[in-house]
């Protein structure tokens, strides 16, 4: 049974490993510390950084959707709804 718990934990959190992609894009500066090739007159350094930001946002959104799909967090009832299904305190 202990093995199943570890597997379940990995299955739940594996999308977070995708966050390594945007980190890897910007961690090694000598890769993109140059001017050429220019894209529309904009040096490589600037458009690479902008594309890394956009890709990082896309990866973060993907991780969010994958985790909510795996954990089914959108299907659960809010904490402030009691057993009768009505929100708030009923006296």
PDB file of N, CA and C in Angstrom:
ATOM      1  N   UNK A   1       0.807  -1.199   0.000  1.00  0.00           N
ATOM      2  CA  UNK A   1       0.000   0.000   0.000  1.00  0.00           C
ATOM      3  C   UNK A   1       0.851   1.264   0.000  1.00  0.00           C
ATOM      4  N   UNK A   2       2.048   1.195   0.576  1.00  0.00           N
ATOM      5  CA  UNK A   2       2.897   2.383   0.632  1.00  0.00           C
ATOM      6  C   UNK A   2       3.336   2.807  -0.761  1.00  0.00           C
ATOM      7  N   UNK A   3       3.560   1.847  -1.655  1.00  0.00           N
ATOM      8  CA  UNK A   3       3.959   2.174  -3.016  1.00  0.00           C
ATOM      9  C   UNK A   3       2.869   2.909  -3.774  1.00  0.00           C
ATOM     10  N   UNK A   4       1.613   2.553  -3.493  1.00  0.00           N
ATOM     11  CA  UNK A   4       0.510   3.203  -4.176  1.00  0.00           C
ATOM     12  C   UNK A   4       0.390   4.664  -3.763  1.00  0.00           C
ATOM     13  N   UNK A   5       0.702   4.979  -2.524  1.00  0.00           N
ATOM     14  CA  UNK A   5       0.659   6.364  -2.054  1.00  0.00           C
ATOM     15  C   UNK A   5       1.692   7.220  -2.746  1.00  0.00           C
ATOM     16  N   UNK A   6       2.883   6.669  -2.931  1.00  0.00           N
ATOM     17  CA  UNK A   6       3.917   7.433  -3.625  1.00  0.00           C
ATOM     18  C   UNK A   6       3.564   7.626  -5.087  1.00  0.00           C
ATOM     19  N   UNK A   7       2.995   6.599  -5.692  1.00  0.00           N
ATOM     20  CA  UNK A   7       2.611   6.714  -7.090  1.00  0.00           C
ATOM     21  C   UNK A   7       1.487   7.722  -7.257  1.00  0.00           C
ATOM     22  N   UNK A   8       0.552   7.728  -6.345  1.00  0.00           N
ATOM     23  CA  UNK A   8      -0.545   8.681  -6.394  1.00  0.00           C
ATOM     24  C   UNK A   8      -0.060  10.109  -6.234  1.00  0.00           C
ATOM     25  N   UNK A   9       0.924  10.306  -5.378  1.00  0.00           N
ATOM     26  CA  UNK A   9       1.483  11.629  -5.181  1.00  0.00           C
ATOM     27  C   UNK A   9       2.192  12.114  -6.444  1.00  0.00           C
ATOM     28  N   UNK A  10       2.950  11.213  -7.093  1.00  0.00           N
ATOM     29  CA  UNK A  10       3.628  11.589  -8.330  1.00  0.00           C
ATOM     30  C   UNK A  10       2.618  11.873  -9.436  1.00  0.00           C
ATOM     31  N   UNK A  11       1.580  11.056  -9.513  1.00  0.00           N
ATOM     32  CA  UNK A  11       0.568  11.244 -10.543  1.00  0.00           C
ATOM     33  C   UNK A  11      -0.166  12.568 -10.361  1.00  0.00           C
ATOM     34  N   UNK A  12      -0.258  13.020  -9.135  1.00  0.00           N
ATOM     35  CA  UNK A  12      -0.952  14.277  -8.879  1.00  0.00           C
ATOM     36  C   UNK A  12      -0.097  15.482  -9.197  1.00  0.00           C
ATOM     37  N   UNK A  13       1.213  15.407  -8.931  1.00  0.00           N
ATOM     38  CA  UNK A  13       2.071  16.579  -9.050  1.00  0.00           C
ATOM     39  C   UNK A  13       2.997  16.572 -10.258  1.00  0.00           C
ATOM     40  N   UNK A  14       2.885  15.632 -11.189  1.00  0.00           N
ATOM     41  CA  UNK A  14       3.811  15.590 -12.312  1.00  0.00           C
ATOM     42  C   UNK A  14       3.730  16.822 -13.204  1.00  0.00           C
ATOM     43  N   UNK A  15       2.590  17.502 -13.354  1.00  0.00           N
ATOM     44  CA  UNK A  15       2.592  18.688 -14.221  1.00  0.00           C
ATOM     45  C   UNK A  15       3.522  19.794 -13.737  1.00  0.00           C
ATOM     46  N   UNK A  16       3.836  19.819 -12.464  1.00  0.00           N
ATOM     47  CA  UNK A  16       4.727  20.863 -11.942  1.00  0.00           C
ATOM     48  C   UNK A  16       6.135  20.751 -12.502  1.00  0.00           C
ATOM     49  N   UNK A  17       6.512  19.566 -12.968  1.00  0.00           N
ATOM     50  CA  UNK A  17       7.823  19.421 -13.595  1.00  0.00           C
ATOM     51  C   UNK A  17       7.912  20.191 -14.906  1.00  0.00           C
ATOM     52  N   UNK A  18       6.781  20.503 -15.515  1.00  0.00           N
ATOM     53  CA  UNK A  18       6.783  21.290 -16.740  1.00  0.00           C
ATOM     54  C   UNK A  18       7.272  22.719 -16.499  1.00  0.00           C
ATOM     55  N   UNK A  19       7.222  23.181 -15.253  1.00  0.00           N
ATOM     56  CA  UNK A  19       7.693  24.525 -14.942  1.00  0.00           C
ATOM     57  C   UNK A  19       9.209  24.657 -15.082  1.00  0.00           C
ATOM     58  N   UNK A  20       9.895  23.554 -15.258  1.00  0.00           N
ATOM     59  CA  UNK A  20      11.335  23.592 -15.499  1.00  0.00           C
ATOM     60  C   UNK A  20      11.622  24.176 -16.888  1.00  0.00           C
ATOM     61  N   UNK A  21      10.698  24.040 -17.824  1.00  0.00           N
ATOM     62  CA  UNK A  21      10.910  24.518 -19.195  1.00  0.00           C
ATOM     63  C   UNK A  21      11.195  26.023 -19.236  1.00  0.00           C
ATOM     64  N   UNK A  22      10.331  26.895 -18.681  1.00  0.00           N
ATOM     65  CA  UNK A  22      10.658  28.322 -18.744  1.00  0.00           C
ATOM     66  C   UNK A  22      11.910  28.673 -17.948  1.00  0.00           C
ATOM     67  N   UNK A  23      12.144  27.957 -16.859  1.00  0.00           N
ATOM     68  CA  UNK A  23      13.362  28.201 -16.086  1.00  0.00           C
ATOM     69  C   UNK A  23      14.595  27.864 -16.916  1.00  0.00           C
ATOM     70  N   UNK A  24      14.538  26.750 -17.621  1.00  0.00           N
ATOM     71  CA  UNK A  24      15.670  26.345 -18.453  1.00  0.00           C
ATOM     72  C   UNK A  24      15.926  27.292 -19.609  1.00  0.00           C
ATOM     73  N   UNK A  25      14.893  27.953 -20.088  1.00  0.00           N
ATOM     74  CA  UNK A  25      15.067  28.885 -21.200  1.00  0.00           C
ATOM     75  C   UNK A  25      15.891  30.112 -20.826  1.00  0.00           C
ATOM     76  N   UNK A  26      15.803  30.547 -19.590  1.00  0.00           N
ATOM     77  CA  UNK A  26      16.469  31.795 -19.206  1.00  0.00           C
ATOM     78  C   UNK A  26      17.649  31.605 -18.259  1.00  0.00           C
ATOM     79  N   UNK A  27      17.906  30.402 -17.808  1.00  0.00           N
ATOM     80  CA  UNK A  27      18.951  30.214 -16.805  1.00  0.00           C
ATOM     81  C   UNK A  27      20.359  30.313 -17.389  1.00  0.00           C
ATOM     82  N   UNK A  28      20.555  29.927 -18.637  1.00  0.00           N
ATOM     83  CA  UNK A  28      21.892  29.952 -19.238  1.00  0.00           C
ATOM     84  C   UNK A  28      22.004  31.176 -20.144  1.00  0.00           C
ATOM     85  N   UNK A  29      22.457  32.282 -19.565  1.00  0.00           N
ATOM     86  CA  UNK A  29      22.499  33.571 -20.245  1.00  0.00           C
ATOM     87  C   UNK A  29      23.399  33.588 -21.481  1.00  0.00           C
ATOM     88  N   UNK A  30      24.570  32.957 -21.494  1.00  0.00           N
ATOM     89  CA  UNK A  30      25.396  33.025 -22.707  1.00  0.00           C
ATOM     90  C   UNK A  30      24.701  32.485 -23.961  1.00  0.00           C
ATOM     91  N   UNK A  31      23.657  31.700 -23.815  1.00  0.00           N
ATOM     92  CA  UNK A  31      22.931  31.194 -24.974  1.00  0.00           C
ATOM     93  C   UNK A  31      22.238  32.316 -25.744  1.00  0.00           C
ATOM     94  N   UNK A  32      21.667  33.280 -25.031  1.00  0.00           N
ATOM     95  CA  UNK A  32      20.902  34.328 -25.706  1.00  0.00           C
ATOM     96  C   UNK A  32      21.505  35.720 -25.558  1.00  0.00           C
ATOM     97  N   UNK A  33      22.713  35.835 -25.044  1.00  0.00           N
ATOM     98  CA  UNK A  33      23.380  37.118 -24.884  1.00  0.00           C
ATOM     99  C   UNK A  33      24.101  37.491 -26.182  1.00  0.00           C
ATOM    100  N   UNK A  34      23.324  37.866 -27.186  1.00  0.00           N
ATOM    101  CA  UNK A  34      23.875  38.261 -28.482  1.00  0.00           C
ATOM    102  C   UNK A  34      22.878  39.173 -29.187  1.00  0.00           C
ATOM    103  N   UNK A  35      23.331  39.827 -30.239  1.00  0.00           N
ATOM    104  CA  UNK A  35      22.483  40.754 -30.977  1.00  0.00           C
ATOM    105  C   UNK A  35      21.864  40.129 -32.216  1.00  0.00           C
ATOM    106  N   UNK A  36      22.574  39.227 -32.848  1.00  0.00           N
ATOM    107  CA  UNK A  36      22.093  38.620 -34.085  1.00  0.00           C
ATOM    108  C   UNK A  36      21.547  37.227 -33.788  1.00  0.00           C
ATOM    109  N   UNK A  37      20.537  36.770 -34.434  1.00  0.00           N
ATOM    110  CA  UNK A  37      19.785  37.348 -35.542  1.00  0.00           C
ATOM    111  C   UNK A  37      18.730  38.327 -35.041  1.00  0.00           C
ATOM    112  N   UNK A  38      18.585  39.407 -35.748  1.00  0.00           N
ATOM    113  CA  UNK A  38      17.572  40.410 -35.418  1.00  0.00           C
ATOM    114  C   UNK A  38      16.253  40.026 -36.080  1.00  0.00           C
ATOM    115  N   UNK A  39      15.181  40.299 -35.405  1.00  0.00           N
ATOM    116  CA  UNK A  39      13.844  39.998 -35.930  1.00  0.00           C
ATOM    117  C   UNK A  39      13.088  41.326 -36.035  1.00  0.00           C
ATOM    118  N   UNK A  40      12.938  41.823 -37.243  1.00  0.00           N
ATOM    119  CA  UNK A  40      12.269  43.108 -37.445  1.00  0.00           C
ATOM    120  C   UNK A  40      13.044  44.264 -36.848  1.00  0.00           C
ATOM    121  N   UNK A  41      14.355  44.181 -36.833  1.00  0.00           N
ATOM    122  CA  UNK A  41      15.193  45.233 -36.270  1.00  0.00           C
ATOM    123  C   UNK A  41      15.388  45.131 -34.769  1.00  0.00           C
ATOM    124  N   UNK A  42      14.755  44.163 -34.140  1.00  0.00           N
ATOM    125  CA  UNK A  42      14.883  43.979 -32.691  1.00  0.00           C
ATOM    126  C   UNK A  42      15.954  42.923 -32.446  1.00  0.00           C
ATOM    127  N   UNK A  43      16.956  43.240 -31.608  1.00  0.00           N
ATOM    128  CA  UNK A  43      18.024  42.268 -31.345  1.00  0.00           C
ATOM    129  C   UNK A  43      17.501  40.971 -30.730  1.00  0.00           C
ATOM    130  N   UNK A  44      18.247  39.906 -30.944  1.00  0.00           N
ATOM    131  CA  UNK A  44      17.879  38.567 -30.481  1.00  0.00           C
ATOM    132  C   UNK A  44      17.594  38.541 -28.986  1.00  0.00           C
ATOM    133  N   UNK A  45      18.413  39.222 -28.194  1.00  0.00           N
ATOM    134  CA  UNK A  45      18.263  39.208 -26.740  1.00  0.00           C
ATOM    135  C   UNK A  45      16.850  39.619 -26.320  1.00  0.00           C
ATOM    136  N   UNK A  46      16.334  40.683 -26.919  1.00  0.00           N
ATOM    137  CA  UNK A  46      15.037  41.214 -26.504  1.00  0.00           C
ATOM    138  C   UNK A  46      13.876  40.322 -26.944  1.00  0.00           C
ATOM    139  N   UNK A  47      13.886  39.878 -28.201  1.00  0.00           N
ATOM    140  CA  UNK A  47      12.747  39.067 -28.606  1.00  0.00           C
ATOM    141  C   UNK A  47      12.805  37.668 -28.017  1.00  0.00           C
ATOM    142  N   UNK A  48      13.998  37.194 -27.682  1.00  0.00           N
ATOM    143  CA  UNK A  48      14.087  35.901 -26.996  1.00  0.00           C
ATOM    144  C   UNK A  48      13.496  35.996 -25.592  1.00  0.00           C
ATOM    145  N   UNK A  49      13.820  37.088 -24.891  1.00  0.00           N
ATOM    146  CA  UNK A  49      13.269  37.269 -23.544  1.00  0.00           C
ATOM    147  C   UNK A  49      11.753  37.398 -23.581  1.00  0.00           C
ATOM    148  N   UNK A  50      11.220  38.139 -24.535  1.00  0.00           N
ATOM    149  CA  UNK A  50       9.777  38.283 -24.655  1.00  0.00           C
ATOM    150  C   UNK A  50       9.108  36.944 -24.974  1.00  0.00           C
ATOM    151  N   UNK A  51       9.715  36.191 -25.867  1.00  0.00           N
ATOM    152  CA  UNK A  51       9.132  34.883 -26.191  1.00  0.00           C
ATOM    153  C   UNK A  51       9.229  33.919 -25.009  1.00  0.00           C
ATOM    154  N   UNK A  52      10.287  34.036 -24.200  1.00  0.00           N
ATOM    155  CA  UNK A  52      10.415  33.190 -23.013  1.00  0.00           C
ATOM    156  C   UNK A  52       9.331  33.531 -21.986  1.00  0.00           C
ATOM    157  N   UNK A  53       8.993  34.799 -21.863  1.00  0.00           N
ATOM    158  CA  UNK A  53       7.931  35.209 -20.936  1.00  0.00           C
ATOM    159  C   UNK A  53       6.582  34.673 -21.406  1.00  0.00           C
ATOM    160  N   UNK A  54       6.317  34.799 -22.690  1.00  0.00           N
ATOM    161  CA  UNK A  54       5.044  34.315 -23.232  1.00  0.00           C
ATOM    162  C   UNK A  54       4.947  32.796 -23.103  1.00  0.00           C
ATOM    163  N   UNK A  55       6.033  32.094 -23.418  1.00  0.00           N
ATOM    164  CA  UNK A  55       6.035  30.639 -23.283  1.00  0.00           C
ATOM    165  C   UNK A  55       5.893  30.225 -21.817  1.00  0.00           C
ATOM    166  N   UNK A  56       6.528  30.959 -20.910  1.00  0.00           N
ATOM    167  CA  UNK A  56       6.403  30.661 -19.481  1.00  0.00           C
ATOM    168  C   UNK A  56       4.976  30.822 -18.991  1.00  0.00           C
ATOM    169  N   UNK A  57       4.282  31.853 -19.484  1.00  0.00           N
ATOM    170  CA  UNK A  57       2.875  32.042 -19.112  1.00  0.00           C
ATOM    171  C   UNK A  57       2.019  30.904 -19.669  1.00  0.00           C
ATOM    172  N   UNK A  58       2.311  30.473 -20.886  1.00  0.00           N
ATOM    173  CA  UNK A  58       1.557  29.371 -21.490  1.00  0.00           C
ATOM    174  C   UNK A  58       1.790  28.069 -20.726  1.00  0.00           C
ATOM    175  N   UNK A  59       3.023  27.832 -20.304  1.00  0.00           N
ATOM    176  CA  UNK A  59       3.329  26.618 -19.538  1.00  0.00           C
ATOM    177  C   UNK A  59       2.639  26.675 -18.172  1.00  0.00           C
ATOM    178  N   UNK A  60       2.650  27.832 -17.511  1.00  0.00           N
ATOM    179  CA  UNK A  60       1.985  27.963 -16.214  1.00  0.00           C
ATOM    180  C   UNK A  60       0.482  27.734 -16.349  1.00  0.00           C
ATOM    181  N   UNK A  61      -0.124  28.236 -17.411  1.00  0.00           N
ATOM    182  CA  UNK A  61      -1.545  28.010 -17.643  1.00  0.00           C
ATOM    183  C   UNK A  61      -1.828  26.535 -17.902  1.00  0.00           C
ATOM    184  N   UNK A  62      -0.955  25.892 -18.651  1.00  0.00           N
ATOM    185  CA  UNK A  62      -1.109  24.462 -18.920  1.00  0.00           C
ATOM    186  C   UNK A  62      -1.010  23.656 -17.630  1.00  0.00           C
ATOM    187  N   UNK A  63      -0.043  23.993 -16.776  1.00  0.00           N
ATOM    188  CA  UNK A  63       0.112  23.297 -15.497  1.00  0.00           C
ATOM    189  C   UNK A  63      -1.135  23.498 -14.636  1.00  0.00           C
ATOM    190  N   UNK A  64      -1.670  24.700 -14.629  1.00  0.00           N
ATOM    191  CA  UNK A  64      -2.890  24.962 -13.855  1.00  0.00           C
ATOM    192  C   UNK A  64      -4.046  24.089 -14.338  1.00  0.00           C
ATOM    193  N   UNK A  65      -4.271  24.063 -15.650  1.00  0.00           N
ATOM    194  CA  UNK A  65      -5.374  23.264 -16.178  1.00  0.00           C
ATOM    195  C   UNK A  65      -5.161  21.773 -15.945  1.00  0.00           C
ATOM    196  N   UNK A  66      -3.934  21.297 -16.089  1.00  0.00           N
ATOM    197  CA  UNK A  66      -3.662  19.880 -15.842  1.00  0.00           C
ATOM    198  C   UNK A  66      -3.904  19.509 -14.383  1.00  0.00           C
ATOM    199  N   UNK A  67      -3.454  20.362 -13.459  1.00  0.00           N
ATOM    200  CA  UNK A  67      -3.647  20.048 -12.043  1.00  0.00           C
ATOM    201  C   UNK A  67      -5.105  20.116 -11.632  1.00  0.00           C
ATOM    202  N   UNK A  68      -5.864  21.069 -12.161  1.00  0.00           N
ATOM    203  CA  UNK A  68      -7.281  21.100 -11.811  1.00  0.00           C
ATOM    204  C   UNK A  68      -8.023  19.927 -12.441  1.00  0.00           C
ATOM    205  N   UNK A  69      -7.562  19.455 -13.585  1.00  0.00           N
ATOM    206  CA  UNK A  69      -8.178  18.278 -14.198  1.00  0.00           C
ATOM    207  C   UNK A  69      -7.850  17.017 -13.395  1.00  0.00           C
ATOM    208  N   UNK A  70      -6.614  16.896 -12.925  1.00  0.00           N
ATOM    209  CA  UNK A  70      -6.197  15.711 -12.172  1.00  0.00           C
ATOM    210  C   UNK A  70      -6.857  15.678 -10.796  1.00  0.00           C
ATOM    211  N   UNK A  71      -6.884  16.806 -10.109  1.00  0.00           N
ATOM    212  CA  UNK A  71      -7.394  16.830  -8.737  1.00  0.00           C
ATOM    213  C   UNK A  71      -8.893  17.092  -8.662  1.00  0.00           C
ATOM    214  N   UNK A  72      -9.509  17.481  -9.767  1.00  0.00           N
ATOM    215  CA  UNK A  72     -10.943  17.769  -9.828  1.00  0.00           C
ATOM    216  C   UNK A  72     -11.328  18.831  -8.800  1.00  0.00           C
ATOM    217  N   UNK A  73     -10.539  19.873  -8.671  1.00  0.00           N
ATOM    218  CA  UNK A  73     -10.821  20.900  -7.672  1.00  0.00           C
ATOM    219  C   UNK A  73     -12.020  21.755  -8.042  1.00  0.00           C
ATOM    220  N   UNK A  74     -12.380  21.817  -9.309  1.00  0.00           N
ATOM    221  CA  UNK A  74     -13.541  22.621  -9.686  1.00  0.00           C
ATOM    222  C   UNK A  74     -14.852  21.895  -9.404  1.00  0.00           C
ATOM    223  N   UNK A  75     -14.797  20.590  -9.149  1.00  0.00           N
ATOM    224  CA  UNK A  75     -16.013  19.816  -8.891  1.00  0.00           C
ATOM    225  C   UNK A  75     -16.427  19.825  -7.428  1.00  0.00           C
ATOM    226  N   UNK A  76     -15.562  20.230  -6.520  1.00  0.00           N
ATOM    227  CA  UNK A  76     -15.879  20.162  -5.095  1.00  0.00           C
ATOM    228  C   UNK A  76     -16.768  21.328  -4.681  1.00  0.00           C
ATOM    229  N   UNK A  77     -17.508  21.110  -3.577  1.00  0.00           N
ATOM    230  CA  UNK A  77     -18.370  22.154  -3.053  1.00  0.00           C
ATOM    231  C   UNK A  77     -17.537  23.147  -2.251  1.00  0.00           C
ATOM    232  N   UNK A  78     -17.918  24.416  -2.247  1.00  0.00           N
ATOM    233  CA  UNK A  78     -17.205  25.394  -1.425  1.00  0.00           C
ATOM    234  C   UNK A  78     -17.353  25.077   0.054  1.00  0.00           C
ATOM    235  N   UNK A  79     -16.402  25.544   0.852  1.00  0.00           N
ATOM    236  CA  UNK A  79     -16.402  25.245   2.284  1.00  0.00           C
ATOM    237  C   UNK A  79     -17.535  25.942   3.024  1.00  0.00           C
ATOM    238  N   UNK A  80     -18.050  27.067   2.506  1.00  0.00           N
ATOM    239  CA  UNK A  80     -19.070  27.805   3.242  1.00  0.00           C
ATOM    240  C   UNK A  80     -20.499  27.341   2.915  1.00  0.00           C
ATOM    241  N   UNK A  81     -20.643  26.235   2.213  1.00  0.00           N
ATOM    242  CA  UNK A  81     -21.963  25.685   1.919  1.00  0.00           C
ATOM    243  C   UNK A  81     -22.221  24.541   2.897  1.00  0.00           C
ATOM    244  N   UNK A  82     -23.341  24.622   3.615  1.00  0.00           N
ATOM    245  CA  UNK A  82     -23.637  23.572   4.589  1.00  0.00           C
ATOM    246  C   UNK A  82     -24.320  22.382   3.907  1.00  0.00           C
ATOM    247  N   UNK A  83     -24.771  21.418   4.696  1.00  0.00           N
ATOM    248  CA  UNK A  83     -25.334  20.177   4.169  1.00  0.00           C
ATOM    249  C   UNK A  83     -26.612  20.401   3.364  1.00  0.00           C
ATOM    250  N   UNK A  84     -27.331  21.468   3.655  1.00  0.00           N
ATOM    251  CA  UNK A  84     -28.579  21.719   2.929  1.00  0.00           C
ATOM    252  C   UNK A  84     -28.327  22.327   1.554  1.00  0.00           C
ATOM    253  N   UNK A  85     -27.113  22.770   1.302  1.00  0.00           N
ATOM    254  CA  UNK A  85     -26.777  23.316   0.003  1.00  0.00           C
ATOM    255  C   UNK A  85     -26.923  24.816  -0.082  1.00  0.00           C
ATOM    256  N   UNK A  86     -27.307  25.471   1.018  1.00  0.00           N
ATOM    257  CA  UNK A  86     -27.452  26.923   0.998  1.00  0.00           C
ATOM    258  C   UNK A  86     -26.216  27.561   1.618  1.00  0.00           C
ATOM    259  N   UNK A  87     -25.682  28.609   1.023  1.00  0.00           N
ATOM    260  CA  UNK A  87     -24.494  29.244   1.575  1.00  0.00           C
ATOM    261  C   UNK A  87     -24.835  30.111   2.795  1.00  0.00           C
ATOM    262  N   UNK A  88     -23.837  30.287   3.645  1.00  0.00           N
ATOM    263  CA  UNK A  88     -23.983  31.169   4.784  1.00  0.00           C
ATOM    264  C   UNK A  88     -24.496  30.471   6.032  1.00  0.00           C
ATOM    265  N   UNK A  89     -24.564  31.231   7.116  1.00  0.00           N
ATOM    266  CA  UNK A  89     -25.054  30.693   8.384  1.00  0.00           C
ATOM    267  C   UNK A  89     -26.579  30.772   8.422  1.00  0.00           C
ATOM    268  N   UNK A  90     -27.176  29.685   8.799  1.00  0.00           N
ATOM    269  CA  UNK A  90     -28.632  29.660   8.946  1.00  0.00           C
ATOM    270  C   UNK A  90     -28.925  29.391  10.415  1.00  0.00           C
ATOM    271  N   UNK A  91     -29.632  30.313  11.031  1.00  0.00           N
ATOM    272  CA  UNK A  91     -29.921  30.192  12.458  1.00  0.00           C
ATOM    273  C   UNK A  91     -31.268  29.603  12.696  1.00  0.00           C
TER     274      UNK A  91
END
